Amino acid sequence: MSGNRTCAINRRRNKDEFYFDRRAGRIIGFGQKVFGKPVNANQGFQWYLADMATKTEAAKALTLNAAALRQAGKNITKEAAMAKYYASETAVEVANKALQIHGGYGYMKEYAIERQYRDARIIPIYEGTSEVQKMVISRAVINGK
C-alpha cells in the first residue's frame, strides 16, 4: 500500500490556518474567526470537523486492517482496494471541506489548503482510479473472497 494514499490535510504553513492532523486525531490551529466567532464555536463547522475526523479514522482503520492481513501472509487484494478507494475519496472530501471552511482564502496561493486540495484531488485519478478499485472490490465480493 502506498503511503501517499493517506489524507493530504496534514501540514500547517500559515499560523492562521487550521487543518485536521490525522496523526494527532484533532483539528489544529483555531486562530481564525468566522462570523465573529472562533471556528470551533460554529455548529456547522463542528459537523464538518466531525465528518472529517470520522472518515479519516475509518480510512486509517481500513489501511491498518489490510496491513495486518498482509503481515499475516493473507491475500489482501480486496482489502487493499477498499483502503485505497476509501482513503482517496476521503482525502478529496476532507480537503474540500477544509477549503469550504477557509472560504475565499482557500483558493489563494498563500494558503497551504489551495495546494492540499489540488494534491488530494489527483489521488483518486492516479495509482489506480476509484473506478478500478471498485471493479477489484466487486469482483472479490462476487467471487466470495
N, C-alpha and C. Protein backbone atom coordinates (compact mmCIF):
# COMPACT_ATOMS: atom_id res chain seq x y z
N MET A 1 0.84 -1.18 0.00
CA MET A 1 0.00 0.00 0.00
C MET A 1 0.89 1.24 0.00
N SER A 2 0.48 2.20 -0.73
CA SER A 2 1.28 3.41 -0.88
C SER A 2 1.00 4.38 0.27
N GLY A 3 2.06 4.96 0.80
CA GLY A 3 1.92 5.91 1.90
C GLY A 3 1.23 7.19 1.50
N ASN A 4 1.25 7.52 0.20
CA ASN A 4 0.62 8.77 -0.22
C ASN A 4 -0.88 8.65 -0.39
N ARG A 5 -1.46 7.53 -0.05
CA ARG A 5 -2.91 7.35 -0.09
C ARG A 5 -3.59 7.93 1.14
N THR A 6 -2.83 8.31 2.13
CA THR A 6 -3.42 8.85 3.35
C THR A 6 -3.89 10.28 3.13
N CYS A 7 -4.65 10.78 4.04
CA CYS A 7 -5.24 12.10 3.92
C CYS A 7 -4.18 13.17 3.72
N ALA A 8 -4.40 14.04 2.77
CA ALA A 8 -3.41 15.06 2.42
C ALA A 8 -3.47 16.28 3.33
N ILE A 9 -4.48 16.37 4.18
CA ILE A 9 -4.63 17.57 5.00
C ILE A 9 -3.87 17.37 6.31
N ASN A 10 -2.58 17.51 6.27
CA ASN A 10 -1.81 17.27 7.49
C ASN A 10 -0.60 18.18 7.64
N ARG A 11 -0.57 19.30 6.92
CA ARG A 11 0.56 20.20 7.05
C ARG A 11 0.07 21.61 7.40
N ARG A 12 0.86 22.32 8.15
CA ARG A 12 0.49 23.68 8.53
C ARG A 12 1.59 24.62 8.09
N ARG A 13 1.26 25.62 7.29
CA ARG A 13 2.26 26.56 6.80
C ARG A 13 1.98 27.99 7.24
N ASN A 14 0.75 28.27 7.60
CA ASN A 14 0.38 29.63 7.95
C ASN A 14 -0.30 29.59 9.31
N LYS A 15 0.12 30.47 10.23
CA LYS A 15 -0.39 30.37 11.60
C LYS A 15 -1.90 30.61 11.70
N ASP A 16 -2.51 31.24 10.70
CA ASP A 16 -3.95 31.48 10.75
C ASP A 16 -4.75 30.33 10.16
N GLU A 17 -4.09 29.37 9.59
CA GLU A 17 -4.80 28.24 9.02
C GLU A 17 -5.11 27.21 10.09
N PHE A 18 -6.04 26.35 9.80
CA PHE A 18 -6.28 25.20 10.65
C PHE A 18 -6.46 24.01 9.73
N TYR A 19 -6.26 22.86 10.26
CA TYR A 19 -6.31 21.65 9.46
C TYR A 19 -6.54 20.47 10.35
N PHE A 20 -6.92 19.36 9.75
CA PHE A 20 -7.09 18.14 10.51
C PHE A 20 -5.78 17.37 10.48
N ASP A 21 -5.20 17.19 11.64
CA ASP A 21 -3.95 16.43 11.76
C ASP A 21 -4.33 14.98 12.01
N ARG A 22 -4.15 14.14 11.00
CA ARG A 22 -4.59 12.75 11.14
C ARG A 22 -3.79 12.01 12.19
N ARG A 23 -2.55 12.40 12.42
CA ARG A 23 -1.75 11.71 13.43
C ARG A 23 -2.22 12.06 14.84
N ALA A 24 -2.53 13.34 15.05
CA ALA A 24 -3.00 13.76 16.37
C ALA A 24 -4.49 13.45 16.54
N GLY A 25 -5.20 13.24 15.44
CA GLY A 25 -6.62 12.95 15.50
C GLY A 25 -7.45 14.12 15.97
N ARG A 26 -6.99 15.33 15.65
CA ARG A 26 -7.74 16.50 16.06
C ARG A 26 -7.46 17.67 15.12
N ILE A 27 -8.26 18.70 15.26
CA ILE A 27 -8.09 19.90 14.45
C ILE A 27 -7.03 20.79 15.10
N ILE A 28 -6.17 21.32 14.29
CA ILE A 28 -5.07 22.17 14.77
C ILE A 28 -5.28 23.59 14.25
N GLY A 29 -5.04 24.58 15.08
CA GLY A 29 -4.97 25.97 14.64
C GLY A 29 -6.29 26.69 14.53
N PHE A 30 -6.96 26.96 15.62
CA PHE A 30 -8.22 27.67 15.60
C PHE A 30 -8.03 29.18 15.77
N GLY A 31 -6.96 29.74 15.23
CA GLY A 31 -6.72 31.17 15.36
C GLY A 31 -7.70 32.01 14.57
N GLN A 32 -8.33 31.43 13.58
CA GLN A 32 -9.20 32.16 12.69
C GLN A 32 -10.61 32.26 13.27
N LYS A 33 -11.24 33.41 13.05
CA LYS A 33 -12.64 33.58 13.46
C LYS A 33 -13.50 33.64 12.21
N VAL A 34 -14.68 33.08 12.31
CA VAL A 34 -15.62 33.10 11.22
C VAL A 34 -16.93 33.65 11.76
N PHE A 35 -17.47 34.66 11.08
CA PHE A 35 -18.68 35.33 11.52
C PHE A 35 -18.54 35.83 12.96
N GLY A 36 -17.34 36.29 13.33
CA GLY A 36 -17.10 36.86 14.64
C GLY A 36 -16.91 35.86 15.76
N LYS A 37 -16.94 34.57 15.46
CA LYS A 37 -16.78 33.52 16.48
C LYS A 37 -15.59 32.64 16.10
N PRO A 38 -14.97 32.03 17.12
CA PRO A 38 -13.94 31.05 16.79
C PRO A 38 -14.55 29.91 15.97
N VAL A 39 -13.77 29.32 15.10
CA VAL A 39 -14.26 28.25 14.25
C VAL A 39 -14.93 27.15 15.06
N ASN A 40 -14.34 26.79 16.19
CA ASN A 40 -14.89 25.67 16.96
C ASN A 40 -16.20 26.00 17.64
N ALA A 41 -16.68 27.24 17.57
CA ALA A 41 -17.97 27.60 18.17
C ALA A 41 -19.11 27.52 17.15
N ASN A 42 -18.81 27.32 15.88
CA ASN A 42 -19.82 27.27 14.84
C ASN A 42 -20.27 25.82 14.64
N GLN A 43 -21.55 25.56 14.87
CA GLN A 43 -22.05 24.19 14.81
C GLN A 43 -21.89 23.57 13.42
N GLY A 44 -22.11 24.35 12.38
CA GLY A 44 -21.95 23.83 11.03
C GLY A 44 -20.53 23.36 10.79
N PHE A 45 -19.55 24.13 11.24
CA PHE A 45 -18.16 23.73 11.08
C PHE A 45 -17.83 22.55 11.99
N GLN A 46 -18.47 22.51 13.16
CA GLN A 46 -18.26 21.36 14.05
C GLN A 46 -18.69 20.07 13.34
N TRP A 47 -19.79 20.13 12.61
CA TRP A 47 -20.25 18.95 11.88
C TRP A 47 -19.27 18.57 10.78
N TYR A 48 -18.75 19.58 10.08
CA TYR A 48 -17.71 19.30 9.07
C TYR A 48 -16.53 18.59 9.73
N LEU A 49 -16.10 19.13 10.84
CA LEU A 49 -14.93 18.57 11.52
C LEU A 49 -15.22 17.15 12.02
N ALA A 50 -16.43 16.91 12.49
CA ALA A 50 -16.80 15.56 12.93
C ALA A 50 -16.76 14.58 11.75
N ASP A 51 -17.29 15.00 10.61
CA ASP A 51 -17.25 14.16 9.41
C ASP A 51 -15.81 13.90 8.98
N MET A 52 -15.01 14.96 8.98
CA MET A 52 -13.61 14.83 8.56
C MET A 52 -12.86 13.85 9.46
N ALA A 53 -13.03 13.99 10.76
CA ALA A 53 -12.32 13.13 11.70
C ALA A 53 -12.79 11.68 11.60
N THR A 54 -14.11 11.48 11.49
CA THR A 54 -14.66 10.12 11.42
C THR A 54 -14.21 9.40 10.16
N LYS A 55 -14.30 10.06 9.04
CA LYS A 55 -13.93 9.42 7.77
C LYS A 55 -12.42 9.18 7.69
N THR A 56 -11.64 10.07 8.26
CA THR A 56 -10.20 9.86 8.27
C THR A 56 -9.84 8.66 9.12
N GLU A 57 -10.51 8.51 10.27
CA GLU A 57 -10.26 7.35 11.12
C GLU A 57 -10.70 6.05 10.45
N ALA A 58 -11.81 6.10 9.72
CA ALA A 58 -12.28 4.91 9.01
C ALA A 58 -11.28 4.51 7.92
N ALA A 59 -10.74 5.48 7.21
CA ALA A 59 -9.72 5.19 6.18
C ALA A 59 -8.48 4.59 6.82
N LYS A 60 -8.11 5.14 7.96
CA LYS A 60 -6.96 4.61 8.69
C LYS A 60 -7.20 3.17 9.12
N ALA A 61 -8.39 2.88 9.61
CA ALA A 61 -8.73 1.52 10.06
C ALA A 61 -8.68 0.53 8.89
N LEU A 62 -9.22 0.91 7.74
CA LEU A 62 -9.17 0.04 6.57
C LEU A 62 -7.72 -0.24 6.16
N THR A 63 -6.90 0.79 6.21
CA THR A 63 -5.48 0.64 5.84
C THR A 63 -4.75 -0.27 6.82
N LEU A 64 -4.98 -0.06 8.11
CA LEU A 64 -4.32 -0.89 9.12
C LEU A 64 -4.80 -2.34 9.05
N ASN A 65 -6.06 -2.54 8.72
CA ASN A 65 -6.58 -3.90 8.57
C ASN A 65 -5.89 -4.61 7.41
N ALA A 66 -5.76 -3.93 6.29
CA ALA A 66 -5.08 -4.52 5.13
C ALA A 66 -3.63 -4.83 5.46
N ALA A 67 -2.98 -3.93 6.17
CA ALA A 67 -1.58 -4.16 6.55
C ALA A 67 -1.44 -5.36 7.48
N ALA A 68 -2.36 -5.48 8.43
CA ALA A 68 -2.30 -6.62 9.37
C ALA A 68 -2.52 -7.94 8.64
N LEU A 69 -3.46 -7.95 7.70
CA LEU A 69 -3.71 -9.17 6.93
C LEU A 69 -2.49 -9.51 6.06
N ARG A 70 -1.87 -8.50 5.50
CA ARG A 70 -0.66 -8.72 4.69
C ARG A 70 0.46 -9.31 5.53
N GLN A 71 0.64 -8.77 6.72
CA GLN A 71 1.68 -9.29 7.61
C GLN A 71 1.38 -10.73 8.01
N ALA A 72 0.12 -11.09 8.03
CA ALA A 72 -0.26 -12.46 8.36
C ALA A 72 -0.14 -13.39 7.16
N GLY A 73 0.30 -12.84 6.02
CA GLY A 73 0.52 -13.64 4.83
C GLY A 73 -0.72 -13.92 4.01
N LYS A 74 -1.77 -13.16 4.22
CA LYS A 74 -3.03 -13.39 3.51
C LYS A 74 -3.09 -12.55 2.24
N ASN A 75 -3.93 -12.97 1.32
CA ASN A 75 -4.18 -12.20 0.11
C ASN A 75 -5.03 -10.99 0.49
N ILE A 76 -4.57 -9.81 0.12
CA ILE A 76 -5.27 -8.59 0.55
C ILE A 76 -5.80 -7.79 -0.64
N THR A 77 -6.01 -8.44 -1.76
CA THR A 77 -6.46 -7.71 -2.95
C THR A 77 -7.69 -6.87 -2.66
N LYS A 78 -8.72 -7.49 -2.09
CA LYS A 78 -9.97 -6.76 -1.80
C LYS A 78 -9.74 -5.69 -0.73
N GLU A 79 -9.07 -6.06 0.35
CA GLU A 79 -8.87 -5.11 1.45
C GLU A 79 -8.01 -3.93 1.03
N ALA A 80 -6.98 -4.18 0.23
CA ALA A 80 -6.13 -3.08 -0.26
C ALA A 80 -6.92 -2.15 -1.17
N ALA A 81 -7.74 -2.73 -2.05
CA ALA A 81 -8.56 -1.92 -2.94
C ALA A 81 -9.56 -1.08 -2.15
N MET A 82 -10.15 -1.68 -1.12
CA MET A 82 -11.10 -0.94 -0.27
C MET A 82 -10.39 0.23 0.43
N ALA A 83 -9.21 -0.05 0.96
CA ALA A 83 -8.47 1.00 1.66
C ALA A 83 -8.07 2.12 0.69
N LYS A 84 -7.57 1.76 -0.48
CA LYS A 84 -7.16 2.76 -1.47
C LYS A 84 -8.36 3.60 -1.91
N TYR A 85 -9.44 2.92 -2.22
CA TYR A 85 -10.64 3.62 -2.69
C TYR A 85 -11.17 4.57 -1.62
N TYR A 86 -11.37 4.06 -0.42
CA TYR A 86 -11.98 4.88 0.63
C TYR A 86 -11.05 6.02 1.05
N ALA A 87 -9.77 5.73 1.19
CA ALA A 87 -8.83 6.77 1.62
C ALA A 87 -8.71 7.88 0.58
N SER A 88 -8.68 7.51 -0.71
CA SER A 88 -8.54 8.55 -1.74
C SER A 88 -9.80 9.40 -1.83
N GLU A 89 -10.97 8.78 -1.74
CA GLU A 89 -12.21 9.56 -1.77
C GLU A 89 -12.33 10.43 -0.51
N THR A 90 -11.89 9.90 0.61
CA THR A 90 -11.92 10.67 1.86
C THR A 90 -10.98 11.86 1.79
N ALA A 91 -9.81 11.67 1.21
CA ALA A 91 -8.85 12.78 1.08
C ALA A 91 -9.48 13.94 0.31
N VAL A 92 -10.19 13.63 -0.76
CA VAL A 92 -10.85 14.67 -1.55
C VAL A 92 -11.94 15.35 -0.74
N GLU A 93 -12.76 14.56 -0.06
CA GLU A 93 -13.86 15.13 0.73
C GLU A 93 -13.34 16.00 1.87
N VAL A 94 -12.33 15.53 2.57
CA VAL A 94 -11.76 16.31 3.68
C VAL A 94 -11.12 17.59 3.17
N ALA A 95 -10.38 17.49 2.07
CA ALA A 95 -9.76 18.69 1.50
C ALA A 95 -10.82 19.68 1.05
N ASN A 96 -11.89 19.18 0.45
CA ASN A 96 -12.97 20.05 0.00
C ASN A 96 -13.63 20.76 1.18
N LYS A 97 -13.88 20.03 2.26
CA LYS A 97 -14.50 20.67 3.44
C LYS A 97 -13.55 21.68 4.07
N ALA A 98 -12.27 21.37 4.10
CA ALA A 98 -11.29 22.34 4.63
C ALA A 98 -11.27 23.59 3.76
N LEU A 99 -11.37 23.40 2.46
CA LEU A 99 -11.41 24.54 1.54
C LEU A 99 -12.66 25.38 1.79
N GLN A 100 -13.79 24.73 2.00
CA GLN A 100 -15.02 25.45 2.29
C GLN A 100 -14.93 26.22 3.60
N ILE A 101 -14.31 25.63 4.60
CA ILE A 101 -14.15 26.30 5.88
C ILE A 101 -13.31 27.56 5.71
N HIS A 102 -12.29 27.50 4.87
CA HIS A 102 -11.43 28.65 4.64
C HIS A 102 -12.09 29.71 3.76
N GLY A 103 -13.15 29.34 3.06
CA GLY A 103 -13.83 30.28 2.19
C GLY A 103 -12.93 30.72 1.04
N GLY A 104 -13.02 31.98 0.66
CA GLY A 104 -12.23 32.51 -0.44
C GLY A 104 -10.74 32.40 -0.23
N TYR A 105 -10.30 32.42 1.03
CA TYR A 105 -8.87 32.29 1.31
C TYR A 105 -8.33 30.93 0.87
N GLY A 106 -9.19 29.94 0.82
CA GLY A 106 -8.76 28.61 0.43
C GLY A 106 -8.23 28.52 -0.99
N TYR A 107 -8.60 29.48 -1.83
CA TYR A 107 -8.15 29.49 -3.22
C TYR A 107 -6.87 30.29 -3.42
N MET A 108 -6.42 30.98 -2.40
CA MET A 108 -5.24 31.82 -2.52
C MET A 108 -3.97 30.99 -2.37
N LYS A 109 -3.00 31.26 -3.22
CA LYS A 109 -1.74 30.51 -3.20
C LYS A 109 -1.00 30.69 -1.87
N GLU A 110 -1.27 31.75 -1.13
CA GLU A 110 -0.60 32.00 0.15
C GLU A 110 -1.02 31.01 1.22
N TYR A 111 -2.14 30.36 1.02
CA TYR A 111 -2.64 29.39 2.00
C TYR A 111 -2.35 27.98 1.50
N ALA A 112 -1.88 27.14 2.39
CA ALA A 112 -1.49 25.77 2.03
C ALA A 112 -2.69 24.95 1.56
N ILE A 113 -3.89 25.30 1.98
CA ILE A 113 -5.06 24.50 1.63
C ILE A 113 -5.27 24.45 0.12
N GLU A 114 -4.90 25.50 -0.58
CA GLU A 114 -5.05 25.52 -2.04
C GLU A 114 -4.26 24.38 -2.66
N ARG A 115 -3.02 24.24 -2.24
CA ARG A 115 -2.16 23.15 -2.76
C ARG A 115 -2.65 21.79 -2.26
N GLN A 116 -3.06 21.72 -1.03
CA GLN A 116 -3.51 20.45 -0.46
C GLN A 116 -4.76 19.94 -1.16
N TYR A 117 -5.65 20.86 -1.53
CA TYR A 117 -6.84 20.43 -2.27
C TYR A 117 -6.44 19.87 -3.63
N ARG A 118 -5.54 20.56 -4.34
CA ARG A 118 -5.10 20.05 -5.64
C ARG A 118 -4.42 18.69 -5.48
N ASP A 119 -3.59 18.53 -4.45
CA ASP A 119 -2.92 17.25 -4.21
C ASP A 119 -3.93 16.14 -3.92
N ALA A 120 -4.93 16.45 -3.12
CA ALA A 120 -5.93 15.45 -2.76
C ALA A 120 -6.79 15.08 -3.96
N ARG A 121 -7.10 16.06 -4.78
CA ARG A 121 -7.99 15.83 -5.92
C ARG A 121 -7.40 14.85 -6.94
N ILE A 122 -6.10 14.81 -7.06
CA ILE A 122 -5.46 13.93 -8.04
C ILE A 122 -5.36 12.49 -7.53
N ILE A 123 -5.43 12.27 -6.24
CA ILE A 123 -5.22 10.93 -5.66
C ILE A 123 -6.17 9.88 -6.25
N PRO A 124 -7.49 10.14 -6.38
CA PRO A 124 -8.35 9.10 -6.95
C PRO A 124 -8.09 8.84 -8.43
N ILE A 125 -7.31 9.69 -9.07
CA ILE A 125 -7.07 9.55 -10.51
C ILE A 125 -5.83 8.72 -10.80
N TYR A 126 -4.74 8.95 -10.07
CA TYR A 126 -3.53 8.18 -10.33
C TYR A 126 -3.40 7.05 -9.32
N GLU A 127 -2.51 6.14 -9.57
CA GLU A 127 -2.27 4.95 -8.73
C GLU A 127 -3.51 4.08 -8.60
N GLY A 128 -4.23 3.94 -9.66
CA GLY A 128 -5.44 3.10 -9.62
C GLY A 128 -6.64 3.98 -9.34
N THR A 129 -7.39 4.27 -10.36
CA THR A 129 -8.53 5.15 -10.18
C THR A 129 -9.57 4.53 -9.26
N SER A 130 -10.44 5.35 -8.75
CA SER A 130 -11.50 4.85 -7.88
C SER A 130 -12.37 3.83 -8.61
N GLU A 131 -12.60 4.04 -9.90
CA GLU A 131 -13.41 3.10 -10.67
C GLU A 131 -12.72 1.74 -10.75
N VAL A 132 -11.41 1.73 -10.95
CA VAL A 132 -10.67 0.47 -11.00
C VAL A 132 -10.74 -0.23 -9.64
N GLN A 133 -10.59 0.52 -8.57
CA GLN A 133 -10.67 -0.06 -7.23
C GLN A 133 -12.05 -0.67 -6.99
N LYS A 134 -13.10 -0.01 -7.47
CA LYS A 134 -14.45 -0.55 -7.33
C LYS A 134 -14.60 -1.86 -8.10
N MET A 135 -13.98 -1.94 -9.28
CA MET A 135 -14.04 -3.19 -10.05
C MET A 135 -13.35 -4.32 -9.30
N VAL A 136 -12.19 -4.02 -8.72
CA VAL A 136 -11.45 -5.03 -7.95
C VAL A 136 -12.29 -5.50 -6.76
N ILE A 137 -12.88 -4.56 -6.06
CA ILE A 137 -13.71 -4.90 -4.88
C ILE A 137 -14.92 -5.73 -5.29
N SER A 138 -15.63 -5.30 -6.33
CA SER A 138 -16.84 -6.02 -6.73
C SER A 138 -16.51 -7.43 -7.21
N ARG A 139 -15.40 -7.60 -7.94
CA ARG A 139 -15.01 -8.95 -8.37
C ARG A 139 -14.75 -9.85 -7.17
N ALA A 140 -14.05 -9.31 -6.18
CA ALA A 140 -13.76 -10.10 -4.98
C ALA A 140 -15.03 -10.47 -4.23
N VAL A 141 -15.98 -9.55 -4.16
CA VAL A 141 -17.24 -9.81 -3.46
C VAL A 141 -18.06 -10.85 -4.23
N ILE A 142 -18.12 -10.70 -5.54
CA ILE A 142 -18.87 -11.65 -6.37
C ILE A 142 -18.28 -13.06 -6.27
N ASN A 143 -16.95 -13.13 -6.23
CA ASN A 143 -16.26 -14.43 -6.15
C ASN A 143 -16.17 -14.97 -4.73
N GLY A 144 -16.76 -14.27 -3.78
CA GLY A 144 -16.80 -14.73 -2.40
C GLY A 144 -15.46 -14.69 -1.68
N LYS A 145 -14.62 -13.75 -2.05
CA LYS A 145 -13.31 -13.64 -1.40
C LYS A 145 -13.32 -12.61 -0.31
